[in-house]
Amino acid sequence: MANDSPISLAVELGPLKLKNPVMVASGTFGYGQEYAELVPPERLGAVVVKGISLEPRSGNPPPRIWETCGGMLNSIGLQNVGLRAFLEEKLPWLRPLSVPVIVNLFGNTVEEYRELATALDGQEGIDGLEINISCPNVKAGGMTFGSDPEMAFQVVSAVRSKTNLPVITKLTPNVTDITVIAKAVEDAGTDILSLINTVAGMAVDVQTRQPRLANVVGGLSGPAIKPIALKMVWQVVQASRVPVIGLGGIVSTEDALEFLIVGAQAVQVGTANFVNPGVTLEIIDGLEDYLRQQGLADINEIIGTLEVPRGPVGIGE
């Protein structure tokens, strides 16, 4: 194939059609406008906005971010402007964009998730909903929705019953078997899965003998979690019938390619946006270059092409 032949990066995530497979992860790109001068949103596959709750949240007290070896611990506490301000102040800017806009949402009860889905459904400029199920269920003693298949099923069912928009469910890695949760939310009607959310972790100041985060425990993101994310995406792709979005530690074209090769239909870039705001554009260009080097014309030609040796695949020692 000649080097000047057209390259297609277009992918389909169930009902969602993306011009390329590179999305931004919720909580790392604000509401889109904050990055607009550095990253033209129209070049992305999709924009996923910061998580929205029914009421505004100020988040956790500081310190709530700590840099670790190969990553970042955060305990922001899902700070956001709330549903009303999002609809009145943020959505008007997002509405004219020529790329899909995905709204991440979360609640502390099934009823809150249901109310959010009802309010967001049918709003012009919203192309899909991403459900964060890594939140505590206040009616179940604080257990996270995403750690129990029955609770995860209830949340996704509640959202699914109140919207005709494509539903993405974002899975937590802090479980024994992520495929069990994936199957539960698939049965509940999710159209797409995204994984993984942050890995639970902590850090300690040895001089003061106190936690580095005021909340003690936070979520680890960045390159350190990529091998975990890649393994879980591969597992879920094998077990699920719906498209999968891979995320966790993607900082380069090669990282994105790994997720696509194990079967993800698209990727989300998160923590890397803080270090290199233009990283998504570099990855998009890098995917085109890779396809040309491989003599391929379509990104779909590499999705799910992992060659696994025959025989049992287990955890190495």
Foldseek 3Di string as FASTA:
>chain_A
DDLPDAFFQWFDFQPFTFSHQEEADAPFCALVPVLCVPDPQLVGREYEHHEAFQAFDQFDDPPAWDADVQWIFGRRRSGDHHDVCCLVPRQVVQQVHPHAYEYEYEDQALVRLLVSLQVPAPDRNHQEYEYEQQWFNVVVVGDTQQQDLVSLLSNLLSNVVRHPHQYEYEHELPYDANLSNLVSSVVSPHQEYEDDWFDKDWAADPVVRHTNGPVRIGGIFAQVCLVVQLVNLLVNQVRDDGAYEGEGHDQALVSQLSSQQSAHRHYHYGPNCVVPVCRSVRNVVVLSVVCSVVVHRYSNVRGNNDDDDDDDDDDDD
